[in-house]
Amino acid sequence: MSSIKNKTIHGFKWSLTDNVVNSGTTFLVGLILARLLSPDEFGIIGMITVFIAISNSFIDSGFSNALIRKTDAKDIDYNTVFYFNFFVGLFFYCVLYLCAPIISSFFDEPVLIPVTRVIGVILVINALSIIQRTILVKRIDFKTQTKASFFSAVLSGITGIGMAFGGCGVWSLVGQQISRQLFNALFLWIYSSWRPSWEFSKKSFNEMFGFGSKLLLSGLIDTLYKNVFYLIIGRFYTANQLGQYTRAEQFSSIFSSNLTNVIQRVSYPALSSIQDESERLKLAYQKTIKTTMLISFTCMLGLAAVAKPLLLVLIGEKWLPAVEYLQIICFSGMLYPLHALNLNILQVKGRSDLFLKLEIIKKAIAVIPVTLGIFLGIKVMLCGSVCTSLFAYFLNSHYSASLIDYPSKKQIKDILPTFGISFFVALCMWSILLLPVSNYMVSLFLQCIAGGMLTIFIYERTKLSEYMEAKQIVFSLIKRR
């Protein structure tokens, strides 16, 4: 148990570092670009996001997870997936290139034709580095990925900011995204010793596709849902409103998406390594959920409390409409890590069929808030997504519970104390805005100090096991450092 724990902690440290460095640099670059560019220009990029995301799902096709789960993966397996990824990436770039006029007509934005055709090259670039990334994840080697992410984030940030200062407008964002993927792929190839050789196995392809195809369909459904708001807002509202939404989502992803990515990347290979040891798997999973949700509740509810002063101080008054979007997104985003962990168990246990079934049911229900958004407004749509997020959790946990004997009722009982503490602290932080303080920077400072001190005081007094576990992990990381 100690070896898997140490390996997981080490992986968590570097995966967290990777996300902090990667997202932190991206966030800082985004702040500068938000000052230099308008919401309309961010909205233009938001319109093409859904098509890039769906294409990327096809390119990977669930093979990465199939390779990670396969304990005896050989070179021929990696080569087979590499060539499949590359040719699918090339195919979807051609599709995107030809469909650019249709996309432009759908959103009534002429500039989308050249933007789509240029930014679509990301698909081919990503396809060339999927195997290198997969091998590193399988080894729980996030230190190497951190290096690649850091250098690519810095260099692409310089590219984007330089273009923005040069008056390139929306092309600044295009240049930043393309250079980001190009540099990342280049560094992954430099740091990785794996190189493709000319071999392809139909047997290997069929074996992994049996598992991966269901994850592909599940991923497509999930990707479409995650990006459908871009589609709806871009089609029925303005580029400015879509730009406001993209900024709100970027701020929320500082914690929700990044924490989810860290947990998924580390827990999946770690839990897969003990998939046949039921009791050990359950205990590891329970500890992971309790510690993860302590972090998620604390960060997301705290972010909702400081949303207004944070956005106004960092990116200015022109982004004020994004405040309410961000606050609503925080309430659905705080459950993302919980979804990821429950779905990870299905993959660890090889139940990609059940994974697919659940995705279909959840996304069918999610049509309701999307439809409401068309007729009743963006905020109604986002509120509806909070409700569907709660429904999705109960559905996920019900089925994953049957595989490891950890029912939803027990999960809720385990995470309820941290939710209660986090909600109380967030309420206290928000109440500071009622004070007669005209300077938002001062308000933000007071909120952060009060929230941090109150959180530490309560957890030190209560001594919750998940807090002590998180504290122990932090101290062990500091000692190793």
Protein backbone atom coordinates (compact mmCIF):
# COMPACT_ATOMS: atom_id res chain seq x y z
CA MET A 1 0.00 0.00 0.00
CA SER A 2 2.86 2.37 0.81
CA SER A 3 4.53 1.93 -2.60
CA ILE A 4 1.38 2.80 -4.54
CA LYS A 5 0.77 5.70 -2.16
CA ASN A 6 4.30 7.06 -2.62
CA LYS A 7 4.08 6.64 -6.38
CA THR A 8 0.69 8.37 -6.44
CA ILE A 9 1.92 11.24 -4.24
CA HIS A 10 4.94 11.69 -6.48
CA GLY A 11 2.68 11.63 -9.55
CA PHE A 12 0.25 14.02 -7.90
CA LYS A 13 3.06 16.43 -7.08
CA TRP A 14 4.27 16.65 -10.66
CA SER A 15 0.81 16.50 -12.21
CA LEU A 16 -0.23 19.36 -9.95
CA THR A 17 2.96 21.24 -10.79
CA ASP A 18 2.29 20.63 -14.48
CA ASN A 19 -1.22 22.04 -14.21
CA VAL A 20 -0.16 24.97 -12.02
CA VAL A 21 2.68 25.92 -14.36
CA ASN A 22 0.70 25.20 -17.51
CA SER A 23 -2.56 26.81 -16.47
CA GLY A 24 -0.91 29.53 -14.44
CA THR A 25 1.12 30.70 -17.41
CA THR A 26 -1.92 30.40 -19.69
CA PHE A 27 -3.98 32.32 -17.17
CA LEU A 28 -1.46 35.15 -16.92
CA VAL A 29 -1.19 35.32 -20.70
CA GLY A 30 -4.99 35.32 -20.88
CA LEU A 31 -5.17 38.26 -18.49
CA ILE A 32 -2.81 40.29 -20.64
CA LEU A 33 -4.67 39.37 -23.83
CA ALA A 34 -8.02 40.19 -22.17
CA ARG A 35 -6.66 43.67 -21.49
CA LEU A 36 -5.43 44.09 -25.07
CA LEU A 37 -8.29 42.45 -26.97
CA SER A 38 -12.09 42.73 -26.90
CA PRO A 39 -14.70 40.15 -25.78
CA ASP A 40 -15.76 39.85 -29.45
CA GLU A 41 -12.36 38.48 -30.45
CA PHE A 42 -12.44 35.89 -27.68
CA GLY A 43 -15.96 35.03 -28.83
CA ILE A 44 -14.72 34.28 -32.36
CA ILE A 45 -12.27 31.70 -31.00
CA GLY A 46 -15.05 30.30 -28.77
CA MET A 47 -17.15 29.60 -31.87
CA ILE A 48 -14.57 27.24 -33.36
CA THR A 49 -13.71 25.57 -30.02
CA VAL A 50 -16.47 22.95 -30.20
CA PHE A 51 -15.34 21.72 -33.63
CA ILE A 52 -11.71 21.42 -32.55
CA ALA A 53 -12.70 19.58 -29.36
CA ILE A 54 -14.93 17.06 -31.17
CA SER A 55 -12.24 16.40 -33.79
CA ASN A 56 -9.67 15.77 -31.05
CA SER A 57 -11.98 13.20 -29.48
CA PHE A 58 -12.06 11.26 -32.75
CA ILE A 59 -8.29 11.47 -33.11
CA ASP A 60 -7.62 9.87 -29.73
CA SER A 61 -10.64 7.52 -29.98
CA GLY A 62 -10.16 6.23 -26.44
CA PHE A 63 -6.90 4.49 -27.39
CA SER A 64 -4.83 6.43 -24.83
CA ASN A 65 -6.88 5.02 -21.96
CA ALA A 66 -6.79 1.58 -23.55
CA LEU A 67 -2.97 1.72 -23.68
CA ILE A 68 -2.74 2.98 -20.08
CA ARG A 69 -4.99 0.17 -18.86
CA LYS A 70 -3.15 -2.50 -20.86
CA THR A 71 -0.53 -3.89 -18.49
CA ASP A 72 1.49 -5.64 -21.24
CA ALA A 73 1.47 -2.93 -23.93
CA LYS A 74 4.19 -3.49 -26.55
CA ASP A 75 5.84 -1.34 -29.22
CA ILE A 76 3.52 -2.65 -31.89
CA ASP A 77 0.53 -1.41 -29.85
CA TYR A 78 2.03 2.09 -29.62
CA ASN A 79 2.88 2.14 -33.33
CA THR A 80 -0.59 1.01 -34.30
CA VAL A 81 -2.22 3.78 -32.29
CA PHE A 82 0.30 6.38 -33.50
CA TYR A 83 -0.47 5.87 -37.18
CA PHE A 84 -4.19 5.69 -36.52
CA ASN A 85 -4.04 8.99 -34.61
CA PHE A 86 -2.03 10.70 -37.34
CA PHE A 87 -4.23 9.74 -40.28
CA VAL A 88 -7.44 10.51 -38.39
CA GLY A 89 -5.98 13.91 -37.45
CA LEU A 90 -5.14 14.60 -41.08
CA PHE A 91 -8.61 13.51 -42.18
CA PHE A 92 -10.41 15.78 -39.71
CA TYR A 93 -8.23 18.74 -40.62
CA CYS A 94 -9.33 18.29 -44.25
CA VAL A 95 -12.97 18.05 -43.13
CA LEU A 96 -12.63 21.21 -41.05
CA TYR A 97 -10.92 23.03 -43.93
CA LEU A 98 -13.73 22.17 -46.35
CA CYS A 99 -16.48 22.94 -43.82
CA ALA A 100 -15.10 26.38 -42.89
CA PRO A 101 -17.64 28.27 -45.07
CA ILE A 102 -20.52 26.33 -43.48
CA ILE A 103 -19.25 27.11 -39.96
CA SER A 104 -18.85 30.76 -40.92
CA SER A 105 -22.40 30.89 -42.31
CA PHE A 106 -23.84 29.17 -39.21
CA PHE A 107 -22.43 31.84 -36.88
CA ASP A 108 -22.72 34.64 -39.45
CA GLU A 109 -19.05 35.55 -38.94
CA PRO A 110 -17.06 35.83 -42.23
CA VAL A 111 -13.69 35.87 -40.44
CA LEU A 112 -14.32 32.29 -39.29
CA ILE A 113 -13.41 30.93 -42.74
CA PRO A 114 -9.68 31.78 -42.58
CA VAL A 115 -9.55 31.35 -38.79
CA THR A 116 -10.96 27.81 -38.99
CA ARG A 117 -8.63 26.80 -41.81
CA VAL A 118 -5.54 28.02 -39.98
CA ILE A 119 -6.31 26.95 -36.40
CA GLY A 120 -7.38 23.50 -37.61
CA VAL A 121 -3.72 22.54 -38.05
CA ILE A 122 -3.75 21.96 -34.29
CA LEU A 123 -5.46 18.62 -34.98
CA VAL A 124 -2.49 17.24 -36.90
CA ILE A 125 0.01 18.60 -34.37
CA ASN A 126 -1.85 17.01 -31.44
CA ALA A 127 -2.05 13.65 -33.21
CA LEU A 128 1.73 13.50 -33.49
CA SER A 129 2.33 13.68 -29.72
CA ILE A 130 -0.47 11.59 -28.19
CA ILE A 131 1.68 8.46 -27.79
CA GLN A 132 4.55 10.32 -26.12
CA ARG A 133 2.09 11.81 -23.63
CA THR A 134 0.36 8.45 -23.07
CA ILE A 135 3.63 6.68 -22.25
CA LEU A 136 4.51 9.35 -19.70
CA VAL A 137 1.07 9.11 -18.07
CA LYS A 138 1.32 5.31 -17.94
CA ARG A 139 4.61 5.69 -16.07
CA ILE A 140 3.08 8.39 -13.86
CA ASP A 141 5.93 10.58 -15.09
CA PHE A 142 4.47 14.07 -14.96
CA LYS A 143 7.82 15.74 -14.32
CA THR A 144 8.73 15.45 -18.00
CA GLN A 145 5.30 16.70 -19.06
CA THR A 146 5.73 19.68 -16.75
CA LYS A 147 8.89 20.72 -18.55
CA ALA A 148 7.19 20.49 -21.96
CA SER A 149 4.11 22.36 -20.72
CA PHE A 150 6.13 25.14 -19.13
CA PHE A 151 8.32 25.92 -22.12
CA SER A 152 5.43 25.68 -24.59
CA ALA A 153 3.19 27.91 -22.41
CA VAL A 154 5.88 30.59 -22.07
CA LEU A 155 6.90 30.61 -25.74
CA SER A 156 3.30 30.59 -27.01
CA GLY A 157 2.41 33.33 -24.53
CA ILE A 158 5.20 35.51 -25.89
CA THR A 159 3.95 34.79 -29.41
CA GLY A 160 0.33 35.71 -28.63
CA ILE A 161 1.14 38.85 -26.64
CA GLY A 162 3.61 40.02 -29.26
CA MET A 163 0.99 39.61 -31.99
CA ALA A 164 -1.62 41.44 -29.86
CA PHE A 165 0.72 44.40 -29.36
CA GLY A 166 1.27 44.35 -33.11
CA GLY A 167 -2.46 44.85 -33.69
CA CYS A 168 -3.20 41.34 -35.00
CA GLY A 169 -6.53 41.12 -33.15
CA VAL A 170 -8.14 37.67 -33.21
CA TRP A 171 -5.06 36.27 -34.98
CA SER A 172 -3.15 36.81 -31.74
CA LEU A 173 -5.28 34.11 -30.13
CA VAL A 174 -4.89 31.85 -33.17
CA GLY A 175 -1.10 32.29 -33.09
CA GLN A 176 -0.97 31.58 -29.37
CA GLN A 177 -2.98 28.35 -29.63
CA ILE A 178 -1.11 26.94 -32.61
CA SER A 179 2.34 27.76 -31.21
CA ARG A 180 1.30 26.27 -27.86
CA GLN A 181 0.51 22.88 -29.39
CA LEU A 182 3.50 23.00 -31.74
CA PHE A 183 6.02 23.73 -28.99
CA ASN A 184 4.43 21.17 -26.66
CA ALA A 185 4.60 18.43 -29.31
CA LEU A 186 8.20 19.38 -30.12
CA PHE A 187 9.33 19.20 -26.48
CA LEU A 188 7.51 15.89 -25.89
CA TRP A 189 9.41 14.42 -28.84
CA ILE A 190 12.68 15.81 -27.51
CA TYR A 191 12.13 14.48 -23.98
CA SER A 192 10.67 11.11 -25.01
CA SER A 193 12.87 8.26 -26.21
CA TRP A 194 10.01 6.54 -28.04
CA ARG A 195 10.00 6.77 -31.82
CA PRO A 196 7.51 5.19 -34.24
CA SER A 197 8.54 2.35 -36.49
CA TRP A 198 6.81 1.10 -39.63
CA GLU A 199 4.42 -1.48 -38.20
CA PHE A 200 0.67 -1.73 -37.76
CA SER A 201 -1.26 -4.59 -36.16
CA LYS A 202 -4.88 -5.17 -37.03
CA LYS A 203 -5.16 -7.53 -34.07
CA SER A 204 -3.81 -4.91 -31.67
CA PHE A 205 -6.11 -2.27 -33.18
CA ASN A 206 -9.22 -4.45 -32.78
CA GLU A 207 -8.29 -5.41 -29.23
CA MET A 208 -7.90 -1.81 -28.06
CA PHE A 209 -10.77 -0.50 -30.15
CA GLY A 210 -13.12 -2.89 -28.34
CA PHE A 211 -12.41 -0.99 -25.13
CA GLY A 212 -11.60 2.41 -26.62
CA SER A 213 -14.58 2.70 -28.99
CA LYS A 214 -17.02 2.95 -26.11
CA LEU A 215 -14.83 5.59 -24.47
CA LEU A 216 -14.72 7.37 -27.83
CA LEU A 217 -18.50 7.59 -28.01
CA SER A 218 -18.67 8.57 -24.34
CA GLY A 219 -15.98 11.20 -24.89
CA LEU A 220 -17.76 12.58 -27.95
CA ILE A 221 -21.01 12.94 -26.06
CA ASP A 222 -19.25 14.57 -23.10
CA THR A 223 -17.17 16.86 -25.32
CA LEU A 224 -20.22 17.96 -27.27
CA TYR A 225 -22.08 18.73 -24.05
CA LYS A 226 -19.15 20.64 -22.51
CA ASN A 227 -18.85 22.76 -25.64
CA VAL A 228 -22.50 23.03 -26.62
CA PHE A 229 -22.77 26.26 -24.64
CA TYR A 230 -20.24 27.77 -27.04
CA LEU A 231 -22.42 26.59 -29.91
CA ILE A 232 -25.68 27.91 -28.46
CA ILE A 233 -24.32 31.26 -27.24
CA GLY A 234 -22.41 31.83 -30.47
CA ARG A 235 -25.42 31.00 -32.63
CA PHE A 236 -28.26 32.69 -30.73
CA TYR A 237 -26.42 35.49 -28.96
CA THR A 238 -23.48 37.78 -29.80
CA ALA A 239 -19.73 37.24 -30.07
CA ASN A 240 -19.38 39.66 -27.14
CA GLN A 241 -21.60 37.51 -24.90
CA LEU A 242 -19.74 34.37 -25.94
CA GLY A 243 -16.48 36.14 -25.12
CA GLN A 244 -17.82 36.97 -21.65
CA TYR A 245 -18.73 33.31 -21.14
CA THR A 246 -15.30 32.07 -22.28
CA ARG A 247 -13.57 34.34 -19.74
CA ALA A 248 -15.85 33.12 -16.94
CA GLU A 249 -15.12 29.53 -17.88
CA GLN A 250 -11.38 30.19 -17.98
CA PHE A 251 -11.44 31.58 -14.45
CA SER A 252 -13.46 28.61 -13.18
CA SER A 253 -11.10 26.15 -14.86
CA ILE A 254 -8.24 27.46 -12.70
CA PHE A 255 -9.52 25.05 -10.06
CA SER A 256 -12.27 22.78 -11.42
CA SER A 257 -10.84 21.58 -14.74
CA ASN A 258 -7.25 21.58 -13.55
CA LEU A 259 -8.01 19.68 -10.36
CA THR A 260 -10.09 17.21 -12.37
CA ASN A 261 -7.25 16.71 -14.86
CA VAL A 262 -4.74 16.14 -12.07
CA ILE A 263 -6.97 13.60 -10.32
CA GLN A 264 -7.82 11.76 -13.54
CA ARG A 265 -4.25 11.59 -14.76
CA VAL A 266 -2.87 10.33 -11.45
CA SER A 267 -5.71 8.18 -10.08
CA TYR A 268 -6.45 6.24 -13.28
CA PRO A 269 -3.03 4.59 -13.73
CA ALA A 270 -2.58 4.28 -9.95
CA LEU A 271 -5.96 2.63 -9.37
CA SER A 272 -5.57 0.50 -12.51
CA SER A 273 -2.44 -1.03 -10.96
CA ILE A 274 -4.53 -2.41 -8.05
CA GLN A 275 -7.73 -3.12 -10.00
CA ASP A 276 -7.85 -6.76 -8.84
CA GLU A 277 -7.44 -5.97 -5.10
CA SER A 278 -10.99 -5.01 -4.14
CA GLU A 279 -10.51 -3.86 -0.54
CA ARG A 280 -7.31 -1.97 -1.30
CA LEU A 281 -8.96 -0.32 -4.30
CA LYS A 282 -11.96 0.78 -2.24
CA LEU A 283 -9.84 2.33 0.53
CA ALA A 284 -7.62 4.16 -1.94
CA TYR A 285 -10.67 5.43 -3.81
CA GLN A 286 -12.42 6.60 -0.62
CA LYS A 287 -9.36 8.54 0.55
CA THR A 288 -8.97 10.12 -2.87
CA ILE A 289 -12.59 11.29 -2.97
CA LYS A 290 -12.54 12.84 0.51
CA THR A 291 -9.26 14.69 0.01
CA THR A 292 -10.11 15.82 -3.52
CA MET A 293 -13.51 17.21 -2.63
CA LEU A 294 -12.06 19.15 0.32
CA ILE A 295 -9.86 20.98 -2.19
CA SER A 296 -12.65 21.35 -4.76
CA PHE A 297 -15.27 22.75 -2.37
CA THR A 298 -12.77 25.14 -0.78
CA CYS A 299 -11.50 26.52 -4.08
CA MET A 300 -14.74 26.69 -6.09
CA LEU A 301 -16.98 28.17 -3.40
CA GLY A 302 -14.23 30.61 -2.48
CA LEU A 303 -13.89 31.62 -6.14
CA ALA A 304 -17.64 32.26 -6.36
CA ALA A 305 -17.38 34.54 -3.32
CA VAL A 306 -14.57 36.68 -4.78
CA ALA A 307 -15.73 36.60 -8.42
CA LYS A 308 -16.67 40.27 -8.77
CA PRO A 309 -13.58 41.98 -7.30
CA LEU A 310 -11.33 39.35 -8.89
CA LEU A 311 -12.54 39.97 -12.45
CA LEU A 312 -12.71 43.73 -12.09
CA VAL A 313 -9.21 43.97 -10.64
CA LEU A 314 -7.57 41.57 -13.10
CA ILE A 315 -9.26 42.25 -16.46
CA GLY A 316 -11.35 45.40 -16.04
CA GLU A 317 -14.89 46.74 -16.25
CA LYS A 318 -15.54 45.56 -19.80
CA TRP A 319 -15.72 41.99 -18.44
CA LEU A 320 -18.33 42.74 -15.71
CA PRO A 321 -21.08 40.54 -17.31
CA ALA A 322 -18.78 37.53 -16.83
CA VAL A 323 -19.10 37.80 -13.02
CA GLU A 324 -22.54 36.20 -12.76
CA TYR A 325 -21.61 33.53 -15.31
CA LEU A 326 -18.54 32.64 -13.24
CA GLN A 327 -20.48 32.38 -9.97
CA ILE A 328 -22.99 29.96 -11.48
CA ILE A 329 -20.31 27.89 -13.21
CA CYS A 330 -18.49 27.48 -9.86
CA PHE A 331 -21.44 25.58 -8.39
CA SER A 332 -21.49 23.02 -11.17
CA GLY A 333 -17.69 22.97 -11.51
CA MET A 334 -17.10 21.98 -7.89
CA LEU A 335 -18.54 18.53 -8.69
CA TYR A 336 -16.35 17.87 -11.75
CA PRO A 337 -13.62 16.02 -9.80
CA LEU A 338 -16.27 13.82 -8.19
CA HIS A 339 -17.66 12.91 -11.61
CA ALA A 340 -14.17 12.10 -12.86
CA LEU A 341 -13.36 9.79 -9.95
CA ASN A 342 -16.60 7.84 -10.24
CA LEU A 343 -16.12 7.42 -13.97
CA ASN A 344 -12.47 6.41 -13.46
CA ILE A 345 -13.66 3.40 -11.47
CA LEU A 346 -15.76 2.24 -14.42
CA GLN A 347 -12.68 2.42 -16.66
CA VAL A 348 -10.43 0.75 -14.09
CA LYS A 349 -12.90 -2.12 -13.90
CA GLY A 350 -13.07 -2.33 -17.69
CA ARG A 351 -16.72 -1.27 -17.88
CA SER A 352 -16.46 1.10 -20.84
CA ASP A 353 -19.89 -0.20 -21.96
CA LEU A 354 -21.47 1.11 -18.76
CA PHE A 355 -19.45 4.32 -19.12
CA LEU A 356 -21.05 4.88 -22.53
CA LYS A 357 -24.54 4.04 -21.31
CA LEU A 358 -24.30 6.59 -18.49
CA GLU A 359 -23.03 9.31 -20.82
CA ILE A 360 -25.99 8.82 -23.14
CA ILE A 361 -28.51 9.03 -20.28
CA LYS A 362 -26.87 12.10 -18.68
CA LYS A 363 -26.54 14.04 -21.88
CA ALA A 364 -30.11 13.26 -22.91
CA ILE A 365 -31.24 14.91 -19.66
CA ALA A 366 -28.84 17.80 -20.29
CA VAL A 367 -30.77 18.76 -23.43
CA ILE A 368 -33.29 20.47 -21.12
CA PRO A 369 -31.06 23.33 -19.84
CA VAL A 370 -29.57 23.78 -23.31
CA THR A 371 -33.05 24.24 -24.76
CA LEU A 372 -33.95 26.65 -21.98
CA GLY A 373 -30.86 28.65 -22.84
CA ILE A 374 -32.08 29.24 -26.38
CA PHE A 375 -35.35 30.77 -25.23
CA LEU A 376 -34.76 32.06 -21.67
CA GLY A 377 -31.17 33.28 -21.63
CA ILE A 378 -27.60 32.27 -20.81
CA LYS A 379 -27.97 32.46 -17.02
CA VAL A 380 -30.98 30.11 -17.04
CA MET A 381 -28.98 27.66 -19.13
CA LEU A 382 -26.07 27.75 -16.68
CA CYS A 383 -28.38 27.29 -13.67
CA GLY A 384 -29.89 24.29 -15.40
CA SER A 385 -26.41 22.84 -15.83
CA VAL A 386 -25.96 22.93 -12.02
CA CYS A 387 -29.07 20.75 -11.65
CA THR A 388 -27.93 18.30 -14.33
CA SER A 389 -24.50 18.12 -12.68
CA LEU A 390 -26.13 16.96 -9.42
CA PHE A 391 -28.22 14.41 -11.30
CA ALA A 392 -25.13 13.16 -13.14
CA TYR A 393 -23.26 12.64 -9.88
CA PHE A 394 -25.97 10.43 -8.38
CA LEU A 395 -26.13 8.41 -11.59
CA ASN A 396 -22.36 7.94 -11.80
CA SER A 397 -21.92 7.07 -8.14
CA HIS A 398 -24.84 4.61 -8.16
CA TYR A 399 -23.20 2.42 -10.79
CA SER A 400 -19.59 2.81 -9.66
CA ALA A 401 -20.70 1.92 -6.11
CA SER A 402 -21.82 -1.51 -7.25
CA LEU A 403 -18.31 -2.25 -8.49
CA ILE A 404 -16.40 -1.37 -5.31
CA ASP A 405 -19.09 -1.36 -2.59
CA TYR A 406 -18.93 2.38 -1.91
CA PRO A 407 -22.55 3.64 -2.28
CA SER A 408 -23.65 7.22 -2.99
CA LYS A 409 -25.06 7.60 0.52
CA LYS A 410 -21.67 6.80 2.02
CA GLN A 411 -19.89 9.12 -0.42
CA ILE A 412 -22.19 12.03 0.50
CA LYS A 413 -21.69 11.35 4.18
CA ASP A 414 -17.93 11.47 3.64
CA ILE A 415 -17.89 14.78 1.73
CA LEU A 416 -20.72 16.63 3.52
CA PRO A 417 -18.54 18.03 6.36
CA THR A 418 -16.10 19.66 3.94
CA PHE A 419 -18.95 21.09 1.86
CA GLY A 420 -20.56 22.60 4.98
CA ILE A 421 -17.30 24.19 6.13
CA SER A 422 -16.48 25.51 2.64
CA PHE A 423 -19.96 26.98 2.17
CA PHE A 424 -19.81 28.75 5.56
CA VAL A 425 -16.36 30.20 4.80
CA ALA A 426 -17.47 31.34 1.32
CA LEU A 427 -20.52 33.05 2.82
CA CYS A 428 -18.29 34.92 5.27
CA MET A 429 -15.99 35.94 2.41
CA TRP A 430 -18.88 37.19 0.28
CA SER A 431 -20.30 39.23 3.19
CA ILE A 432 -17.14 41.37 3.15
CA LEU A 433 -18.44 42.91 -0.08
CA LEU A 434 -21.30 44.41 1.96
CA LEU A 435 -18.79 46.57 3.85
CA PRO A 436 -18.45 50.22 2.72
CA VAL A 437 -15.18 49.60 0.83
CA SER A 438 -15.02 51.33 -2.55
CA ASN A 439 -11.71 49.83 -3.68
CA TYR A 440 -12.18 46.34 -5.14
CA MET A 441 -8.50 45.47 -4.69
CA VAL A 442 -8.84 46.07 -0.94
CA SER A 443 -12.05 44.00 -0.84
CA LEU A 444 -10.33 41.13 -2.67
CA PHE A 445 -7.37 41.23 -0.30
CA LEU A 446 -9.64 41.16 2.78
CA GLN A 447 -11.72 38.31 1.34
CA CYS A 448 -8.68 36.14 0.61
CA ILE A 449 -7.04 36.74 4.00
CA ALA A 450 -10.28 36.14 5.92
CA GLY A 451 -11.14 33.03 3.90
CA GLY A 452 -7.69 31.50 4.26
CA MET A 453 -7.41 32.11 7.98
CA LEU A 454 -10.95 30.93 8.74
CA THR A 455 -10.50 27.75 6.68
CA ILE A 456 -7.26 26.78 8.42
CA PHE A 457 -8.69 27.60 11.85
CA ILE A 458 -11.80 25.42 11.37
CA TYR A 459 -9.92 22.44 9.93
CA GLU A 460 -7.24 22.61 12.62
CA ARG A 461 -9.97 22.53 15.23
CA THR A 462 -12.04 19.74 13.64
CA LYS A 463 -9.06 17.57 12.58
CA LEU A 464 -11.02 15.97 9.75
CA SER A 465 -9.20 12.92 8.35
CA GLU A 466 -9.21 14.28 4.79
CA TYR A 467 -7.65 17.54 5.97
CA MET A 468 -4.98 15.66 7.90
CA GLU A 469 -4.34 13.50 4.82
CA ALA A 470 -3.99 16.58 2.59
CA LYS A 471 -1.77 18.25 5.19
CA GLN A 472 0.45 15.16 5.38
CA ILE A 473 0.77 15.07 1.57
CA VAL A 474 1.71 18.76 1.47
CA PHE A 475 4.34 18.35 4.19
CA SER A 476 5.78 15.25 2.52
CA LEU A 477 6.08 17.14 -0.76
CA ILE A 478 7.82 20.03 1.00
CA LYS A 479 10.27 17.65 2.73
CA ARG A 480 11.08 15.93 -0.57
CA ARG A 481 11.58 19.30 -2.18
